[in-house]
Amino acid sequence: MSLRLEPTGAIPAETVRVARAAFPRGTVATRLRDEFSALYEDEDFRDLYPTRGQPGLAPWRLALVTVLQFSEHLSDRQAADAVRARIDWKYALGLELTDPGFHFSVLTEFRARLIAGGAEQRLLDRMLARFKARGLVKARGKQRTDSTHVLAAVHDLHLLELVAETLRAALDDLAAVAPDWLRGIAQPVWFECYGRRVEDYRLPKAQAEREALALAIGADGFALLDALDASEAQSDVRAVPMVKTLRDVWRVHYARQGSGPPRWRSGAELPPVGERLQSPYDPEMHYSTKGQMEWSGYKVHVTEACDVDAAHLITNVVTCPAMQPDMASTAAIHEQLAAKDLLPAEHFVDAGYVDAGLLVGSRRDHGVVLERPVRAVAKRATQAEQAYEQGHFAIDWDGERVTCPQGKRSVTWRACRDEVGAPRVQAVFSRTDCGACSVRRLCTSSKEARRSVYFLPRPEFEALNAARDRMQDPAWKERYRSRAGIEGTLSQGVRAFGPRRSRYIGQAKTGLQPVCVAAAMNAARAVHWLAGAPRARTRVTRFAASAQAA
């Protein structure tokens, strides 16, 4: 399909008359069209279409249908039916009442174009550009960020189910590419064991029988891989994607010496669970935990504006692997906001998004102040309550020495790195001073009889301690309360828009879903803000309200 640029155009007169008669107060769809006659334009998606070929449907309409679809949590079929049957949707799309609409597969093709063109964020970015022109969102204000989990679209499999289903899926894909070759190398028992999906079987319950089954599956998998590696195997057979998945799963869960029988790896030999495959059908999904929550899938970071005098619109969405820590996404969030010219002056996050390097880097690179609680200084395990900690030592940065609580100065100052490669400064005291000190047991338990102090480089050290000092300020605590509002945004999304269960397989497709959800939420919020609707307050039961009054 090619693109023929066309203006958005006016709404047909009959559609206007019927829609206003049916909805005198309007709906989100009709009011969105009234407020933003060109929320999306064909030019926004020009690079995603070829210049030659049969003309396709107007991409601005498909973009708006996608936003309306996710605003009501509809499937592709339901959205296509709504275009044919809903008066308010026809109004928003500028269609005649008699317009027959389109086949639902067109929406799948449109999303595929966005992903293939690396334009997953475009629906949200173009919307924010129009909102920014209307003054609904601005740079250098206040924004807040939090994350939530996204369950994958496929089931998480037990280890025995994983290896069995991976082998079955590989055989199934090979049968579609090279059936004659596969029949020549397949053992007769394979057709009985791997002819159906693993959930259709009753797996043995006894531990010995399960281990025997795992070894049998491993031997069958290695037999298939050996046949694939043989010289007579065709290159197109070896290039089947599920074959690579089979190799990855077998490398993790089986060990084999030469061409001997395989061995099922013990739990101690396996890599961390967050680095293993959980299903052959979505290799990018991973297992993770957060607090008491366990899930297999992905993690999404949502950032929204939170200025009191402006609409609270979502400004950025980032989808990442489930096991990736929050602070690994902080810099990426700032980079994406900078590309949209929507960087905040104050960014409210929780402690998981911050370390000392980010405190300094965000202010230096983007002029963003990260407002967050920081972790307290780790304390040394000791029976003495008055034990000396890092805060008891005075640091002379210019003179490059440290003074202990007893007035002794360090004799060595050197830059080093910790166990993960982060820069640190080490100051070491004299054995003579520490060995003769009467309170050495309050300072160190080292057998070397002297104290070493490790601390961050000066910019990070001072930024971290300044943050700890601000945490004690009641005015800062009051300002930081605004971060809690992001929890309401996540709750609204989960309850009304369905972002926590992925509709699609793979991180790219899964990442497009929260972008569409964010655009749908922004559309509703912008319409309500322009209509003067007050923000909903935290709900309080009548009984709780009576207690507050008392």
Protein backbone atom coordinates (compact mmCIF):
# COMPACT_ATOMS: atom_id res chain seq x y z
CA MET A 1 0.00 0.00 0.00
CA SER A 2 1.28 3.47 -0.90
CA LEU A 3 0.43 6.82 0.64
CA ARG A 4 -1.45 9.58 -1.14
CA LEU A 5 -1.33 12.68 1.03
CA GLU A 6 -4.77 14.13 1.59
CA PRO A 7 -5.98 16.90 3.92
CA THR A 8 -8.04 15.91 6.92
CA GLY A 9 -11.10 17.61 5.44
CA ALA A 10 -14.38 18.67 6.97
CA ILE A 11 -16.94 16.39 8.61
CA PRO A 12 -19.89 15.58 6.30
CA ALA A 13 -22.91 17.73 7.12
CA GLU A 14 -25.27 14.78 7.63
CA THR A 15 -22.82 13.13 10.02
CA VAL A 16 -22.62 16.37 12.01
CA ARG A 17 -26.39 16.72 12.19
CA VAL A 18 -27.04 13.13 13.33
CA ALA A 19 -24.11 13.06 15.80
CA ARG A 20 -25.19 16.29 17.50
CA ALA A 21 -28.76 15.08 17.72
CA ALA A 22 -27.68 11.75 19.19
CA PHE A 23 -25.04 13.20 21.54
CA PRO A 24 -26.00 16.78 22.45
CA ARG A 25 -23.33 16.88 25.16
CA GLY A 26 -20.80 15.09 23.00
CA THR A 27 -18.57 12.10 23.69
CA VAL A 28 -14.81 11.85 24.09
CA ALA A 29 -14.53 11.01 20.38
CA THR A 30 -16.65 13.94 19.15
CA ARG A 31 -15.15 16.47 21.55
CA LEU A 32 -11.64 15.31 20.62
CA ARG A 33 -12.42 16.06 16.95
CA ASP A 34 -13.95 19.43 17.86
CA GLU A 35 -10.91 20.47 19.91
CA PHE A 36 -8.26 19.03 17.55
CA SER A 37 -9.47 18.91 13.97
CA ALA A 38 -6.07 17.56 12.90
CA LEU A 39 -4.77 15.54 15.84
CA TYR A 40 -2.93 13.37 13.32
CA GLU A 41 -2.07 14.09 9.69
CA ASP A 42 -0.96 11.86 6.84
CA GLU A 43 2.36 13.72 6.78
CA ASP A 44 3.12 12.33 10.26
CA PHE A 45 3.42 8.82 8.78
CA ARG A 46 4.82 9.60 5.34
CA ASP A 47 8.13 7.79 5.87
CA LEU A 48 6.34 4.52 6.73
CA TYR A 49 4.72 4.12 3.30
CA PRO A 50 6.17 3.59 -0.20
CA THR A 51 5.57 6.17 -2.89
CA ARG A 52 4.37 3.65 -5.45
CA GLY A 53 1.62 1.08 -5.34
CA GLN A 54 -2.08 0.86 -4.63
CA PRO A 55 -3.28 3.72 -2.39
CA GLY A 56 -3.99 2.66 1.17
CA LEU A 57 -6.33 4.01 3.81
CA ALA A 58 -5.49 7.41 5.26
CA PRO A 59 -2.97 6.79 8.09
CA TRP A 60 -4.33 9.70 10.14
CA ARG A 61 -7.65 7.85 10.37
CA LEU A 62 -5.96 4.58 11.32
CA ALA A 63 -3.97 6.41 14.02
CA LEU A 64 -7.12 7.96 15.44
CA VAL A 65 -8.98 4.64 15.29
CA THR A 66 -6.10 3.06 17.23
CA VAL A 67 -6.39 5.71 19.94
CA LEU A 68 -10.17 5.27 20.15
CA GLN A 69 -9.74 1.49 20.14
CA PHE A 70 -7.46 1.51 23.15
CA SER A 71 -9.56 4.14 24.91
CA GLU A 72 -12.35 1.55 25.12
CA HIS A 73 -10.12 -1.54 25.38
CA LEU A 74 -11.44 -3.02 22.11
CA SER A 75 -10.04 -5.77 19.91
CA ASP A 76 -9.28 -5.13 16.25
CA ARG A 77 -12.56 -6.71 15.19
CA GLN A 78 -14.54 -4.63 17.68
CA ALA A 79 -12.76 -1.44 16.58
CA ALA A 80 -13.51 -2.12 12.91
CA ASP A 81 -17.15 -2.76 13.81
CA ALA A 82 -17.25 0.51 15.75
CA VAL A 83 -16.03 2.42 12.69
CA ARG A 84 -18.97 0.97 10.74
CA ALA A 85 -21.62 1.32 13.44
CA ARG A 86 -20.72 4.15 15.84
CA ILE A 87 -21.98 7.62 14.97
CA ASP A 88 -19.51 9.40 17.24
CA TRP A 89 -16.58 7.49 15.69
CA LYS A 90 -17.73 8.46 12.19
CA TYR A 91 -17.88 12.07 13.39
CA ALA A 92 -14.33 11.91 14.77
CA LEU A 93 -13.05 10.26 11.59
CA GLY A 94 -14.92 12.58 9.24
CA LEU A 95 -16.81 9.75 7.50
CA GLU A 96 -20.19 9.59 5.86
CA LEU A 97 -22.85 7.70 7.80
CA THR A 98 -23.00 5.19 4.95
CA ASP A 99 -19.23 4.53 4.96
CA PRO A 100 -18.67 0.72 5.13
CA GLY A 101 -15.41 0.98 7.07
CA PHE A 102 -12.55 -1.46 6.53
CA HIS A 103 -11.40 -4.97 7.36
CA PHE A 104 -9.99 -5.34 10.87
CA SER A 105 -6.64 -6.66 9.55
CA VAL A 106 -5.84 -3.11 8.38
CA LEU A 107 -5.17 -2.16 12.02
CA THR A 108 -2.69 -5.03 12.37
CA GLU A 109 -0.90 -3.85 9.22
CA PHE A 110 -0.77 -0.26 10.52
CA ARG A 111 0.83 -1.35 13.81
CA ALA A 112 3.30 -3.50 11.87
CA ARG A 113 4.33 -0.42 9.87
CA LEU A 114 4.94 1.52 13.07
CA ILE A 115 7.14 -1.26 14.47
CA ALA A 116 9.03 -1.89 11.21
CA GLY A 117 9.75 1.83 10.91
CA GLY A 118 10.90 2.18 14.53
CA ALA A 119 7.98 4.54 15.09
CA GLU A 120 6.38 2.92 18.14
CA GLN A 121 6.35 6.25 20.01
CA ARG A 122 4.89 8.28 17.14
CA LEU A 123 1.22 8.10 18.18
CA LEU A 124 2.10 9.61 21.54
CA ASP A 125 4.75 12.03 20.27
CA ARG A 126 2.56 13.59 17.58
CA MET A 127 -0.29 13.94 20.05
CA LEU A 128 2.00 15.65 22.57
CA ALA A 129 3.21 18.05 19.89
CA ARG A 130 -0.40 19.17 19.20
CA PHE A 131 -1.13 19.38 22.92
CA LYS A 132 2.00 21.42 23.50
CA ALA A 133 0.90 23.89 20.82
CA ARG A 134 -2.36 24.34 22.75
CA GLY A 135 -0.51 24.87 26.03
CA LEU A 136 -1.73 21.65 27.61
CA VAL A 137 1.78 20.39 28.35
CA LYS A 138 5.05 22.26 28.75
CA ALA A 139 8.74 21.76 29.33
CA ARG A 140 10.56 22.61 32.55
CA GLY A 141 7.62 21.88 34.79
CA LYS A 142 7.10 18.99 37.19
CA GLN A 143 6.85 15.36 36.12
CA ARG A 144 6.72 12.03 37.93
CA THR A 145 7.57 8.45 36.97
CA ASP A 146 6.81 4.96 38.19
CA SER A 147 6.80 1.46 36.72
CA THR A 148 4.41 -1.45 36.59
CA HIS A 149 4.63 -5.00 35.35
CA VAL A 150 3.23 -6.31 32.06
CA LEU A 151 2.32 -9.98 31.82
CA ALA A 152 3.43 -11.68 28.62
CA ALA A 153 0.89 -12.97 26.13
CA VAL A 154 2.23 -16.54 26.43
CA HIS A 155 2.28 -18.90 29.40
CA ASP A 156 5.30 -19.30 31.65
CA LEU A 157 6.42 -22.93 31.39
CA HIS A 158 7.93 -25.26 33.97
CA LEU A 159 11.44 -26.50 33.09
CA LEU A 160 10.23 -29.90 31.89
CA GLU A 161 7.42 -28.29 29.93
CA LEU A 162 9.87 -25.77 28.49
CA VAL A 163 12.28 -28.30 27.01
CA ALA A 164 9.48 -30.54 25.69
CA GLU A 165 7.56 -27.69 24.07
CA THR A 166 10.74 -26.14 22.62
CA LEU A 167 11.64 -29.39 20.89
CA ARG A 168 8.07 -29.88 19.66
CA ALA A 169 7.94 -26.29 18.31
CA ALA A 170 11.29 -26.75 16.53
CA LEU A 171 10.09 -29.98 14.90
CA ASP A 172 6.85 -28.30 13.89
CA ASP A 173 8.64 -25.38 12.22
CA LEU A 174 11.11 -27.70 10.49
CA ALA A 175 8.21 -29.74 9.13
CA ALA A 176 6.92 -26.61 7.40
CA VAL A 177 10.32 -25.75 5.84
CA ALA A 178 11.82 -29.15 4.97
CA PRO A 179 9.31 -32.00 5.52
CA ASP A 180 11.21 -34.53 3.40
CA TRP A 181 14.49 -33.89 5.21
CA LEU A 182 12.77 -34.13 8.60
CA ARG A 183 11.08 -37.45 7.76
CA GLY A 184 14.47 -38.84 6.84
CA ILE A 185 16.09 -38.09 10.22
CA ALA A 186 13.10 -38.31 12.61
CA GLN A 187 12.84 -41.33 14.86
CA PRO A 188 9.44 -43.10 14.87
CA VAL A 189 8.89 -42.38 18.56
CA TRP A 190 9.13 -38.63 17.91
CA PHE A 191 5.80 -38.59 16.07
CA GLU A 192 4.12 -40.06 19.15
CA CYS A 193 5.94 -37.94 21.74
CA TYR A 194 5.98 -34.55 20.00
CA GLY A 195 2.88 -34.65 17.85
CA ARG A 196 0.85 -32.56 20.30
CA ARG A 197 1.52 -29.60 22.59
CA VAL A 198 2.95 -30.43 25.97
CA GLU A 199 -0.13 -29.22 27.88
CA ASP A 200 -2.14 -31.98 26.20
CA TYR A 201 -0.01 -34.63 27.94
CA ARG A 202 -0.16 -35.94 31.49
CA LEU A 203 3.39 -35.56 32.74
CA PRO A 204 4.66 -38.10 35.32
CA LYS A 205 4.52 -37.10 38.97
CA ALA A 206 7.32 -39.27 40.39
CA GLN A 207 10.66 -37.47 40.50
CA ALA A 208 12.59 -40.38 38.99
CA GLU A 209 10.17 -40.65 36.08
CA ARG A 210 10.32 -36.90 35.44
CA GLU A 211 14.13 -36.98 35.38
CA ALA A 212 14.07 -39.93 32.98
CA LEU A 213 11.67 -38.06 30.71
CA ALA A 214 13.87 -34.95 30.80
CA LEU A 215 16.92 -37.00 29.78
CA ALA A 216 14.97 -38.65 26.96
CA ILE A 217 13.85 -35.26 25.66
CA GLY A 218 17.43 -34.01 25.93
CA ALA A 219 18.74 -36.96 23.92
CA ASP A 220 16.11 -36.36 21.22
CA GLY A 221 17.02 -32.68 21.07
CA PHE A 222 20.72 -33.39 20.71
CA ALA A 223 19.96 -35.96 17.99
CA LEU A 224 18.08 -33.26 16.07
CA LEU A 225 20.85 -30.71 16.56
CA ASP A 226 23.49 -33.22 15.44
CA ALA A 227 21.49 -33.87 12.29
CA LEU A 228 21.20 -30.13 11.67
CA ASP A 229 24.95 -29.69 12.08
CA ALA A 230 25.71 -32.51 9.64
CA SER A 231 27.08 -31.51 6.27
CA GLU A 232 24.01 -32.71 4.38
CA ALA A 233 21.67 -30.43 6.33
CA GLN A 234 20.39 -27.53 4.24
CA SER A 235 21.22 -23.95 5.18
CA ASP A 236 17.56 -22.90 5.18
CA VAL A 237 16.82 -25.66 7.68
CA ARG A 238 19.51 -24.44 10.08
CA ALA A 239 18.24 -20.86 9.74
CA VAL A 240 14.80 -21.62 11.22
CA PRO A 241 14.42 -19.22 14.22
CA MET A 242 13.08 -21.92 16.53
CA VAL A 243 16.28 -23.91 15.95
CA LYS A 244 18.27 -21.10 17.55
CA THR A 245 15.84 -21.13 20.47
CA LEU A 246 16.33 -24.89 20.77
CA ARG A 247 20.09 -24.43 20.94
CA ASP A 248 19.77 -21.75 23.61
CA VAL A 249 17.46 -23.85 25.79
CA TRP A 250 19.61 -26.98 25.46
CA ARG A 251 22.80 -25.05 26.26
CA VAL A 252 21.25 -23.78 29.49
CA HIS A 253 19.51 -26.94 30.73
CA TYR A 254 21.66 -29.82 29.43
CA ALA A 255 25.33 -30.78 29.56
CA ARG A 256 26.98 -33.35 27.32
CA GLN A 257 30.51 -34.68 27.02
CA GLY A 258 31.29 -35.23 23.35
CA SER A 259 28.61 -37.39 21.77
CA GLY A 260 27.70 -39.14 25.05
CA PRO A 261 24.31 -39.09 26.78
CA PRO A 262 23.10 -35.72 28.08
CA ARG A 263 22.96 -34.68 31.71
CA TRP A 264 20.20 -32.54 33.23
CA ARG A 265 21.85 -29.53 34.86
CA SER A 266 21.26 -28.96 38.55
CA GLY A 267 19.77 -25.75 39.88
CA ALA A 268 23.18 -24.51 41.03
CA GLU A 269 24.52 -24.72 37.47
CA LEU A 270 21.74 -22.66 35.91
CA PRO A 271 22.08 -18.91 35.23
CA PRO A 272 19.87 -16.47 37.15
CA VAL A 273 16.20 -17.02 36.41
CA GLY A 274 15.89 -13.56 34.90
CA GLU A 275 18.36 -14.54 32.16
CA ARG A 276 16.68 -17.79 31.10
CA LEU A 277 14.02 -18.35 28.49
CA GLN A 278 10.56 -18.82 29.95
CA SER A 279 8.82 -19.85 26.73
CA PRO A 280 9.99 -20.73 23.21
CA TYR A 281 7.23 -18.55 21.76
CA ASP A 282 8.45 -15.29 23.33
CA PRO A 283 12.21 -15.46 24.00
CA GLU A 284 12.27 -11.81 25.10
CA MET A 285 9.96 -12.27 28.08
CA HIS A 286 11.66 -12.84 31.45
CA TYR A 287 10.81 -13.70 35.02
CA SER A 288 11.15 -11.02 37.67
CA THR A 289 9.99 -10.05 41.15
CA LYS A 290 9.15 -6.72 42.77
CA GLY A 291 8.19 -6.79 46.40
CA GLN A 292 5.70 -9.62 46.76
CA MET A 293 4.87 -9.63 43.03
CA GLU A 294 6.22 -12.31 40.70
CA TRP A 295 5.59 -12.28 36.95
CA SER A 296 6.96 -13.28 33.56
CA GLY A 297 6.82 -10.60 30.91
CA TYR A 298 8.05 -7.02 30.75
CA LYS A 299 8.18 -3.76 32.71
CA VAL A 300 6.81 -0.39 31.59
CA HIS A 301 7.83 3.03 32.94
CA VAL A 302 5.19 5.76 32.76
CA THR A 303 6.03 9.47 33.09
CA GLU A 304 3.38 12.18 33.39
CA ALA A 305 3.27 15.93 33.95
CA CYS A 306 2.04 16.90 37.42
CA ASP A 307 1.89 20.70 37.50
CA VAL A 308 -1.05 21.90 39.55
CA ASP A 309 -2.18 24.43 36.95
CA ALA A 310 -1.97 22.15 33.88
CA ALA A 311 -3.43 18.91 32.57
CA HIS A 312 -1.80 15.77 33.91
CA LEU A 313 -0.81 14.18 30.61
CA ILE A 314 1.48 11.20 30.06
CA THR A 315 4.67 12.47 28.43
CA ASN A 316 6.68 9.29 28.00
CA VAL A 317 6.41 5.50 28.07
CA VAL A 318 9.36 3.07 28.11
CA THR A 319 9.06 -0.72 27.94
CA CYS A 320 12.05 -2.78 29.05
CA PRO A 321 12.88 -6.35 30.14
CA ALA A 322 11.19 -7.36 33.37
CA MET A 323 14.40 -7.96 35.33
CA GLN A 324 16.00 -4.61 34.42
CA PRO A 325 16.29 -2.37 37.51
CA ASP A 326 14.39 0.93 37.46
CA MET A 327 17.49 3.10 37.64
CA ALA A 328 18.76 1.60 34.36
CA SER A 329 15.88 3.42 32.60
CA THR A 330 16.25 6.87 34.19
CA ALA A 331 18.79 8.19 31.68
CA ALA A 332 16.79 6.79 28.74
CA ILE A 333 13.65 8.55 30.01
CA HIS A 334 15.50 11.87 30.14
CA GLU A 335 16.92 11.35 26.64
CA GLN A 336 13.46 10.67 25.21
CA LEU A 337 11.94 13.67 26.98
CA ALA A 338 14.77 15.84 25.68
CA ALA A 339 14.03 14.70 22.11
CA LYS A 340 10.41 15.86 22.60
CA ASP A 341 11.53 19.13 24.21
CA LEU A 342 9.54 18.15 27.29
CA LEU A 343 12.25 17.83 29.92
CA PRO A 344 11.02 18.74 33.41
CA ALA A 345 12.80 20.97 35.86
CA GLU A 346 11.85 18.63 38.72
CA HIS A 347 11.41 14.91 38.24
CA PHE A 348 9.71 13.06 41.10
CA VAL A 349 10.63 9.38 41.32
CA ASP A 350 11.07 6.74 44.00
CA ALA A 351 14.40 5.52 45.35
CA GLY A 352 14.67 2.72 42.77
CA TYR A 353 15.30 5.25 39.98
CA VAL A 354 18.23 7.01 41.61
CA ASP A 355 21.85 6.50 42.44
CA ALA A 356 24.59 9.05 43.08
CA GLY A 357 25.73 9.09 39.45
CA LEU A 358 22.21 9.83 38.20
CA LEU A 359 21.80 12.65 40.72
CA VAL A 360 24.82 14.39 39.22
CA GLY A 361 24.35 13.32 35.60
CA SER A 362 20.70 14.34 35.26
CA ARG A 363 21.43 17.85 36.51
CA ARG A 364 24.66 18.19 34.49
CA ASP A 365 23.36 16.80 31.18
CA HIS A 366 19.74 17.92 31.19
CA GLY A 367 19.25 20.40 34.00
CA VAL A 368 16.80 18.02 35.69
CA VAL A 369 16.60 17.81 39.48
CA LEU A 370 15.73 14.29 40.59
CA GLU A 371 13.46 14.56 43.61
CA ARG A 372 13.42 11.28 45.49
CA PRO A 373 14.18 9.64 48.82
CA VAL A 374 17.62 8.07 48.87
CA ARG A 375 18.77 5.03 50.76
CA ALA A 376 20.31 5.53 54.17
CA VAL A 377 24.01 4.94 54.79
CA ALA A 378 24.73 1.25 55.40
CA LYS A 379 25.72 0.56 58.97
CA ARG A 380 28.37 -1.87 60.09
CA ALA A 381 27.11 -4.81 62.10
CA THR A 382 28.45 -4.30 65.63
CA GLN A 383 27.38 -4.73 69.22
CA ALA A 384 28.50 -1.23 70.10
CA GLU A 385 25.76 1.33 69.52
CA GLN A 386 28.28 4.16 69.23
CA ALA A 387 30.33 2.49 66.47
CA TYR A 388 31.99 4.87 64.02
CA GLU A 389 30.47 5.02 60.55
CA GLN A 390 31.44 6.94 57.44
CA GLY A 391 29.62 10.07 58.57
CA HIS A 392 31.94 10.38 61.59
CA PHE A 393 34.98 10.95 59.35
CA ALA A 394 35.86 14.43 58.06
CA ILE A 395 36.92 14.56 54.40
CA ASP A 396 39.37 17.19 53.14
CA TRP A 397 38.80 17.01 49.37
CA ASP A 398 41.43 19.60 48.46
CA GLY A 399 44.07 18.13 50.73
CA GLU A 400 43.07 14.57 49.83
CA ARG A 401 42.97 13.21 53.36
CA VAL A 402 40.44 12.00 55.88
CA THR A 403 40.39 12.70 59.63
CA CYS A 404 38.94 10.11 61.98
CA PRO A 405 36.88 10.95 65.11
CA GLN A 406 40.05 10.63 67.21
CA GLY A 407 41.84 13.29 65.15
CA LYS A 408 44.15 10.94 63.21
CA ARG A 409 44.68 11.60 59.49
CA SER A 410 44.80 9.10 56.69
CA VAL A 411 48.14 8.29 55.10
CA THR A 412 46.87 7.05 51.70
CA TRP A 413 44.33 8.49 49.23
CA ARG A 414 43.70 6.73 45.93
CA ALA A 415 41.02 6.32 43.30
CA CYS A 416 39.70 2.79 42.82
CA ARG A 417 36.61 0.90 41.70
CA ASP A 418 34.15 -1.28 43.57
CA GLU A 419 33.11 -4.82 42.72
CA VAL A 420 30.81 -3.66 39.88
CA GLY A 421 33.32 -1.22 38.40
CA ALA A 422 31.89 2.01 39.82
CA PRO A 423 34.47 4.70 40.79
CA ARG A 424 35.32 5.05 44.46
CA VAL A 425 37.91 6.81 46.62
CA GLN A 426 39.81 4.86 49.27
CA ALA A 427 41.50 6.48 52.26
CA VAL A 428 43.71 4.27 54.47
CA PHE A 429 44.94 5.08 57.96
CA SER A 430 48.28 4.21 59.53
CA ARG A 431 48.75 0.86 61.30
CA THR A 432 50.58 2.70 64.06
CA ASP A 433 47.68 5.08 64.71
CA CYS A 434 44.97 2.42 64.51
CA GLY A 435 46.88 -0.27 66.40
CA ALA A 436 47.44 1.97 69.43
CA CYS A 437 43.92 3.47 69.38
CA SER A 438 41.90 2.71 72.52
CA VAL A 439 38.56 2.71 70.62
CA ARG A 440 39.67 0.64 67.62
CA ARG A 441 36.91 -1.91 68.24
CA LEU A 442 34.35 0.85 67.57
CA CYS A 443 35.99 1.60 64.24
CA THR A 444 37.17 -1.58 62.53
CA SER A 445 37.23 -5.32 62.95
CA SER A 446 39.98 -5.71 60.35
CA LYS A 447 42.80 -8.07 61.25
CA GLU A 448 45.21 -5.58 59.69
CA ALA A 449 44.53 -3.32 62.69
CA ARG A 450 43.82 -0.24 60.56
CA ARG A 451 40.78 1.41 59.04
CA SER A 452 40.04 1.93 55.36
CA VAL A 453 37.28 4.33 54.34
CA TYR A 454 35.58 4.06 50.95
CA PHE A 455 33.39 6.83 49.55
CA LEU A 456 32.09 8.21 46.26
CA PRO A 457 33.92 10.85 44.20
CA ARG A 458 33.23 14.39 45.37
CA PRO A 459 30.33 15.38 43.02
CA GLU A 460 28.36 12.20 43.74
CA PHE A 461 29.24 12.25 47.45
CA GLU A 462 28.03 15.82 47.94
CA ALA A 463 24.88 15.30 45.85
CA LEU A 464 23.95 12.19 47.81
CA ASN A 465 24.46 13.80 51.19
CA ALA A 466 22.55 16.90 50.13
CA ALA A 467 19.67 14.65 49.14
CA ARG A 468 19.73 12.94 52.52
CA ASP A 469 19.64 16.32 54.24
CA ARG A 470 16.64 17.45 52.17
CA MET A 471 14.73 14.35 53.20
CA GLN A 472 14.52 15.76 56.72
CA ASP A 473 12.93 19.03 55.55
CA PRO A 474 9.11 19.08 56.11
CA ALA A 475 8.67 21.41 53.12
CA TRP A 476 10.43 18.90 50.85
CA LYS A 477 8.28 16.08 52.19
CA GLU A 478 5.17 18.07 51.34
CA ARG A 479 6.39 18.75 47.80
CA TYR A 480 7.34 15.11 47.30
CA ARG A 481 3.78 14.02 48.04
CA SER A 482 2.89 14.88 44.45
CA ARG A 483 4.77 11.78 43.30
CA ALA A 484 2.00 9.61 44.74
CA GLY A 485 -0.33 10.76 41.97
CA ILE A 486 1.42 8.47 39.46
CA GLU A 487 -0.07 5.54 41.36
CA GLY A 488 -3.52 6.82 40.41
CA THR A 489 -2.48 7.02 36.76
CA LEU A 490 -1.25 3.43 36.80
CA SER A 491 -4.47 2.37 38.54
CA GLN A 492 -6.60 4.14 35.94
CA GLY A 493 -4.69 2.46 33.14
CA VAL A 494 -4.96 -1.00 34.69
CA ARG A 495 -8.67 -0.70 35.49
CA ALA A 496 -9.91 0.91 32.28
CA PHE A 497 -7.35 0.44 29.49
CA GLY A 498 -5.77 -2.98 30.07
CA PRO A 499 -2.03 -2.30 29.80
CA ARG A 500 -0.94 -4.99 32.26
CA ARG A 501 -1.65 -7.96 29.98
CA SER A 502 0.21 -7.85 26.67
CA ARG A 503 -1.86 -8.47 23.56
CA TYR A 504 1.22 -9.25 21.51
CA ILE A 505 4.41 -11.34 21.49
CA GLY A 506 7.88 -9.75 21.68
CA GLN A 507 9.17 -6.59 23.33
CA ALA A 508 8.69 -4.37 20.26
CA LYS A 509 5.01 -5.22 19.87
CA THR A 510 4.44 -5.24 23.61
CA GLY A 511 6.08 -1.81 23.85
CA LEU A 512 3.63 -0.38 21.31
CA GLN A 513 0.64 -1.33 23.48
CA PRO A 514 1.40 1.00 26.46
CA VAL A 515 2.13 3.82 23.99
CA CYS A 516 -1.36 3.37 22.52
CA VAL A 517 -2.83 3.21 26.02
CA ALA A 518 -1.00 6.42 27.00
CA ALA A 519 -2.32 8.19 23.90
CA ALA A 520 -5.86 7.02 24.70
CA MET A 521 -5.58 8.23 28.31
CA ASN A 522 -4.19 11.58 27.15
CA ALA A 523 -7.06 12.03 24.71
CA ALA A 524 -9.63 11.58 27.49
CA ARG A 525 -7.70 13.76 29.94
CA ALA A 526 -7.21 16.58 27.44
CA VAL A 527 -10.91 16.62 26.55
CA HIS A 528 -11.97 16.71 30.20
CA TRP A 529 -9.41 19.40 31.04
CA LEU A 530 -10.54 21.66 28.19
CA ALA A 531 -14.14 21.14 29.27
CA GLY A 532 -13.25 22.38 32.76
CA ALA A 533 -14.00 19.09 34.52
CA PRO A 534 -12.36 19.04 37.97
CA ARG A 535 -9.82 16.36 38.76
CA ALA A 536 -11.13 13.45 40.78
CA ARG A 537 -9.88 13.41 44.33
CA THR A 538 -8.87 10.38 46.32
CA ARG A 539 -12.01 8.57 47.34
CA VAL A 540 -12.83 8.52 51.06
CA THR A 541 -15.62 6.41 52.53
CA ARG A 542 -18.34 8.16 54.52
CA PHE A 543 -17.19 6.41 57.67
CA ALA A 544 -13.57 7.54 57.18
CA ALA A 545 -14.79 11.08 56.43
CA SER A 546 -16.74 11.16 59.68
CA ALA A 547 -13.62 10.09 61.55
CA GLN A 548 -11.64 12.92 59.95
CA ALA A 549 -14.35 15.40 60.89
CA ALA A 550 -14.27 14.17 64.48
